[in-house]
Amino acid sequence: MKGITVGRISVVAPEQYDGGKPLSILIAPDTSPNAEFDFQAKDRSLDLSVAELNDLVAAANALKETVKEEDCIAHTNVSSLTREAIIRTARNFDWHRTMPKWTVIVEGVELPARPLVLEAAGVPPNDPTNSHKAVAKLKALNFDTRYQGKSV
């Protein structure tokens, strides 16, 4: 058998095949604590013909072309935020909704943590940055963060 492995993905081709599906793509289990689904903890495989593999690669390349680069790097904007950017955004931040559980104190004013971080980073509200990541960033920038009004 011939094969190649990249990360947790292996593509295996037998020395000889019977004209069926000559390639097998094996995906090793995701044992990281970031695994989001139960099925990621099991081996998975996909048997393909060469033509199907070519179609899969073409589809992946086409998808890559349709995804905007700024959509992929939004989380980078959050991770590169500075204390000054948070303070500058907080001065003009207008919040008229119910205050969420996670908040931050900026210049004596209590503001919602995640919406403030997303606004300062210039990313949309559906950015994958969750409240815990936003609070962690604010803590790293030495802001007073609160959970349900209590300092944490």
C-alpha atoms as a PDB file:
ATOM      1  CA  MET A   1       0.000   0.000   0.000  1.00  0.00           C
ATOM      2  CA  LYS A   2       1.084   3.523  -0.749  1.00  0.00           C
ATOM      3  CA  GLY A   3       0.043   6.362   1.489  1.00  0.00           C
ATOM      4  CA  ILE A   4       0.696   9.845   2.714  1.00  0.00           C
ATOM      5  CA  THR A   5      -0.256  11.497   5.997  1.00  0.00           C
ATOM      6  CA  VAL A   6      -0.755  15.193   6.646  1.00  0.00           C
ATOM      7  CA  GLY A   7      -1.781  16.085  10.180  1.00  0.00           C
ATOM      8  CA  ARG A   8      -4.533  13.678  11.168  1.00  0.00           C
ATOM      9  CA  ILE A   9      -5.520  12.874   7.555  1.00  0.00           C
ATOM     10  CA  SER A  10      -4.088   9.922   5.647  1.00  0.00           C
ATOM     11  CA  VAL A  11      -4.700   9.018   2.011  1.00  0.00           C
ATOM     12  CA  VAL A  12      -4.014   5.362   1.244  1.00  0.00           C
ATOM     13  CA  ALA A  13      -3.904   3.672  -2.164  1.00  0.00           C
ATOM     14  CA  PRO A  14      -3.428  -0.093  -2.530  1.00  0.00           C
ATOM     15  CA  GLU A  15      -0.660  -1.382  -4.837  1.00  0.00           C
ATOM     16  CA  GLN A  16      -3.345  -3.101  -6.896  1.00  0.00           C
ATOM     17  CA  TYR A  17      -7.058  -2.483  -6.969  1.00  0.00           C
ATOM     18  CA  ASP A  18     -10.062  -4.197  -8.490  1.00  0.00           C
ATOM     19  CA  GLY A  19     -11.420  -1.174 -10.391  1.00  0.00           C
ATOM     20  CA  GLY A  20     -13.604   0.047  -7.530  1.00  0.00           C
ATOM     21  CA  LYS A  21     -12.613   2.848  -5.186  1.00  0.00           C
ATOM     22  CA  PRO A  22      -8.797   2.828  -5.134  1.00  0.00           C
ATOM     23  CA  LEU A  23      -8.268   5.594  -2.587  1.00  0.00           C
ATOM     24  CA  SER A  24      -9.179   5.655   1.066  1.00  0.00           C
ATOM     25  CA  ILE A  25      -9.035   8.863   3.082  1.00  0.00           C
ATOM     26  CA  LEU A  26      -8.673   8.158   6.801  1.00  0.00           C
ATOM     27  CA  ILE A  27      -9.239  10.837   9.409  1.00  0.00           C
ATOM     28  CA  ALA A  28      -7.729  10.069  12.788  1.00  0.00           C
ATOM     29  CA  PRO A  29      -9.704  10.861  15.923  1.00  0.00           C
ATOM     30  CA  ASP A  30      -9.478  14.353  17.343  1.00  0.00           C
ATOM     31  CA  THR A  31      -8.241  13.818  20.871  1.00  0.00           C
ATOM     32  CA  SER A  32      -7.746  17.501  21.611  1.00  0.00           C
ATOM     33  CA  PRO A  33      -9.869  19.168  24.295  1.00  0.00           C
ATOM     34  CA  ASN A  34     -11.278  21.376  21.513  1.00  0.00           C
ATOM     35  CA  ALA A  35     -13.136  18.499  19.822  1.00  0.00           C
ATOM     36  CA  GLU A  36     -16.676  19.790  19.430  1.00  0.00           C
ATOM     37  CA  PHE A  37     -18.570  16.669  18.384  1.00  0.00           C
ATOM     38  CA  ASP A  38     -18.661  13.084  19.618  1.00  0.00           C
ATOM     39  CA  PHE A  39     -17.908  11.711  16.143  1.00  0.00           C
ATOM     40  CA  GLN A  40     -14.550  13.502  16.205  1.00  0.00           C
ATOM     41  CA  ALA A  41     -13.378  10.972  18.790  1.00  0.00           C
ATOM     42  CA  LYS A  42     -13.653   8.074  16.302  1.00  0.00           C
ATOM     43  CA  ASP A  43     -11.745   7.092  13.175  1.00  0.00           C
ATOM     44  CA  ARG A  44     -13.554   8.040   9.981  1.00  0.00           C
ATOM     45  CA  SER A  45     -12.837   7.021   6.427  1.00  0.00           C
ATOM     46  CA  LEU A  46     -14.014   7.876   2.942  1.00  0.00           C
ATOM     47  CA  ASP A  47     -13.403   5.604  -0.049  1.00  0.00           C
ATOM     48  CA  LEU A  48     -13.032   7.457  -3.352  1.00  0.00           C
ATOM     49  CA  SER A  49     -12.184   6.906  -6.970  1.00  0.00           C
ATOM     50  CA  VAL A  50      -9.489   9.096  -8.496  1.00  0.00           C
ATOM     51  CA  ALA A  51     -12.184  11.120 -10.311  1.00  0.00           C
ATOM     52  CA  GLU A  52     -14.090  11.641  -7.051  1.00  0.00           C
ATOM     53  CA  LEU A  53     -10.896  12.746  -5.316  1.00  0.00           C
ATOM     54  CA  ASN A  54     -10.267  15.257  -8.125  1.00  0.00           C
ATOM     55  CA  ASP A  55     -13.848  16.554  -7.737  1.00  0.00           C
ATOM     56  CA  LEU A  56     -13.368  16.854  -3.971  1.00  0.00           C
ATOM     57  CA  VAL A  57     -10.150  18.840  -4.407  1.00  0.00           C
ATOM     58  CA  ALA A  58     -11.799  21.092  -7.023  1.00  0.00           C
ATOM     59  CA  ALA A  59     -14.756  21.724  -4.704  1.00  0.00           C
ATOM     60  CA  ALA A  60     -12.429  22.538  -1.786  1.00  0.00           C
ATOM     61  CA  ASN A  61     -10.455  24.962  -3.954  1.00  0.00           C
ATOM     62  CA  ALA A  62     -13.653  26.614  -5.198  1.00  0.00           C
ATOM     63  CA  LEU A  63     -14.876  27.001  -1.621  1.00  0.00           C
ATOM     64  CA  LYS A  64     -11.544  28.481  -0.603  1.00  0.00           C
ATOM     65  CA  GLU A  65     -11.926  31.100  -3.346  1.00  0.00           C
ATOM     66  CA  THR A  66     -15.417  32.097  -2.157  1.00  0.00           C
ATOM     67  CA  VAL A  67     -14.448  32.596   1.488  1.00  0.00           C
ATOM     68  CA  LYS A  68     -13.265  36.135   2.117  1.00  0.00           C
ATOM     69  CA  GLU A  69      -9.891  36.396   3.772  1.00  0.00           C
ATOM     70  CA  GLU A  70     -11.187  38.907   6.322  1.00  0.00           C
ATOM     71  CA  ASP A  71     -13.798  36.329   7.446  1.00  0.00           C
ATOM     72  CA  CYS A  72     -11.001  33.908   8.282  1.00  0.00           C
ATOM     73  CA  ILE A  73      -8.886  36.396  10.204  1.00  0.00           C
ATOM     74  CA  ALA A  74     -11.593  38.049  12.308  1.00  0.00           C
ATOM     75  CA  HIS A  75     -10.397  36.253  15.441  1.00  0.00           C
ATOM     76  CA  THR A  76      -6.928  37.700  14.779  1.00  0.00           C
ATOM     77  CA  ASN A  77      -8.423  41.176  15.065  1.00  0.00           C
ATOM     78  CA  VAL A  78      -9.750  40.294  18.525  1.00  0.00           C
ATOM     79  CA  SER A  79      -6.476  38.774  19.679  1.00  0.00           C
ATOM     80  CA  SER A  80      -4.503  41.840  18.576  1.00  0.00           C
ATOM     81  CA  LEU A  81      -6.691  44.384  20.412  1.00  0.00           C
ATOM     82  CA  THR A  82      -4.951  46.904  22.637  1.00  0.00           C
ATOM     83  CA  ARG A  83      -6.091  48.517  25.866  1.00  0.00           C
ATOM     84  CA  GLU A  84      -6.233  51.862  24.075  1.00  0.00           C
ATOM     85  CA  ALA A  85      -8.539  50.463  21.378  1.00  0.00           C
ATOM     86  CA  ILE A  86     -10.949  49.176  24.040  1.00  0.00           C
ATOM     87  CA  ILE A  87     -10.958  52.536  25.863  1.00  0.00           C
ATOM     88  CA  ARG A  88     -11.445  54.481  22.617  1.00  0.00           C
ATOM     89  CA  THR A  89     -14.362  52.243  21.602  1.00  0.00           C
ATOM     90  CA  ALA A  90     -15.912  52.374  25.084  1.00  0.00           C
ATOM     91  CA  ARG A  91     -16.101  56.186  24.986  1.00  0.00           C
ATOM     92  CA  ASN A  92     -18.545  56.053  22.064  1.00  0.00           C
ATOM     93  CA  PHE A  93     -20.161  52.687  22.819  1.00  0.00           C
ATOM     94  CA  ASP A  94     -23.947  52.883  23.077  1.00  0.00           C
ATOM     95  CA  TRP A  95     -25.776  49.938  24.689  1.00  0.00           C
ATOM     96  CA  HIS A  96     -29.554  50.025  25.192  1.00  0.00           C
ATOM     97  CA  ARG A  97     -30.254  46.353  25.782  1.00  0.00           C
ATOM     98  CA  THR A  98     -30.323  44.321  28.966  1.00  0.00           C
ATOM     99  CA  MET A  99     -26.837  43.987  30.366  1.00  0.00           C
ATOM    100  CA  PRO A 100     -25.450  40.464  29.760  1.00  0.00           C
ATOM    101  CA  LYS A 101     -23.875  38.329  32.488  1.00  0.00           C
ATOM    102  CA  TRP A 102     -20.290  39.194  31.494  1.00  0.00           C
ATOM    103  CA  THR A 103     -19.414  42.891  31.739  1.00  0.00           C
ATOM    104  CA  VAL A 104     -16.323  45.077  31.949  1.00  0.00           C
ATOM    105  CA  ILE A 105     -15.605  48.376  33.687  1.00  0.00           C
ATOM    106  CA  VAL A 106     -13.979  50.939  31.398  1.00  0.00           C
ATOM    107  CA  GLU A 107     -13.321  54.402  32.818  1.00  0.00           C
ATOM    108  CA  GLY A 108     -15.895  53.788  35.557  1.00  0.00           C
ATOM    109  CA  VAL A 109     -18.670  52.659  33.181  1.00  0.00           C
ATOM    110  CA  GLU A 110     -20.007  49.092  33.119  1.00  0.00           C
ATOM    111  CA  LEU A 111     -20.331  47.781  29.545  1.00  0.00           C
ATOM    112  CA  PRO A 112     -21.122  44.382  27.984  1.00  0.00           C
ATOM    113  CA  ALA A 113     -17.830  42.523  27.525  1.00  0.00           C
ATOM    114  CA  ARG A 114     -18.308  40.600  24.265  1.00  0.00           C
ATOM    115  CA  PRO A 115     -20.146  43.312  22.279  1.00  0.00           C
ATOM    116  CA  LEU A 116     -17.507  45.862  23.301  1.00  0.00           C
ATOM    117  CA  VAL A 117     -14.642  43.591  22.238  1.00  0.00           C
ATOM    118  CA  LEU A 118     -16.309  42.805  18.889  1.00  0.00           C
ATOM    119  CA  GLU A 119     -16.958  46.496  18.243  1.00  0.00           C
ATOM    120  CA  ALA A 120     -13.362  47.418  19.110  1.00  0.00           C
ATOM    121  CA  ALA A 121     -12.061  44.671  16.804  1.00  0.00           C
ATOM    122  CA  GLY A 122     -14.357  45.778  13.984  1.00  0.00           C
ATOM    123  CA  VAL A 123     -15.897  42.341  13.529  1.00  0.00           C
ATOM    124  CA  PRO A 124     -19.595  41.472  13.123  1.00  0.00           C
ATOM    125  CA  PRO A 125     -21.768  40.253  16.016  1.00  0.00           C
ATOM    126  CA  ASN A 126     -21.725  36.708  14.623  1.00  0.00           C
ATOM    127  CA  ASP A 127     -17.934  36.485  15.032  1.00  0.00           C
ATOM    128  CA  PRO A 128     -16.938  33.175  16.679  1.00  0.00           C
ATOM    129  CA  THR A 129     -15.389  34.998  19.645  1.00  0.00           C
ATOM    130  CA  ASN A 130     -17.474  33.922  22.641  1.00  0.00           C
ATOM    131  CA  SER A 131     -17.928  35.755  25.948  1.00  0.00           C
ATOM    132  CA  HIS A 132     -15.213  33.712  27.662  1.00  0.00           C
ATOM    133  CA  LYS A 133     -12.645  34.616  24.991  1.00  0.00           C
ATOM    134  CA  ALA A 134     -13.692  38.272  25.134  1.00  0.00           C
ATOM    135  CA  VAL A 135     -13.378  38.345  28.934  1.00  0.00           C
ATOM    136  CA  ALA A 136      -9.994  36.603  28.771  1.00  0.00           C
ATOM    137  CA  LYS A 137      -8.766  39.288  26.369  1.00  0.00           C
ATOM    138  CA  LEU A 138     -10.100  42.066  28.613  1.00  0.00           C
ATOM    139  CA  LYS A 139      -8.449  40.481  31.684  1.00  0.00           C
ATOM    140  CA  ALA A 140      -5.175  40.238  29.770  1.00  0.00           C
ATOM    141  CA  LEU A 141      -5.476  43.983  29.121  1.00  0.00           C
ATOM    142  CA  ASN A 142      -5.976  44.556  32.880  1.00  0.00           C
ATOM    143  CA  PHE A 143      -9.628  45.557  32.804  1.00  0.00           C
ATOM    144  CA  ASP A 144     -11.991  44.842  35.703  1.00  0.00           C
ATOM    145  CA  THR A 145     -14.346  42.140  34.434  1.00  0.00           C
ATOM    146  CA  ARG A 146     -17.537  41.059  36.147  1.00  0.00           C
ATOM    147  CA  TYR A 147     -19.897  38.133  36.061  1.00  0.00           C
ATOM    148  CA  GLN A 148     -23.459  39.005  37.082  1.00  0.00           C
ATOM    149  CA  GLY A 149     -22.164  42.169  38.712  1.00  0.00           C
ATOM    150  CA  LYS A 150     -19.443  40.490  40.793  1.00  0.00           C
ATOM    151  CA  SER A 151     -15.784  41.159  40.098  1.00  0.00           C
ATOM    152  CA  VAL A 152     -13.906  38.082  38.819  1.00  0.00           C
END
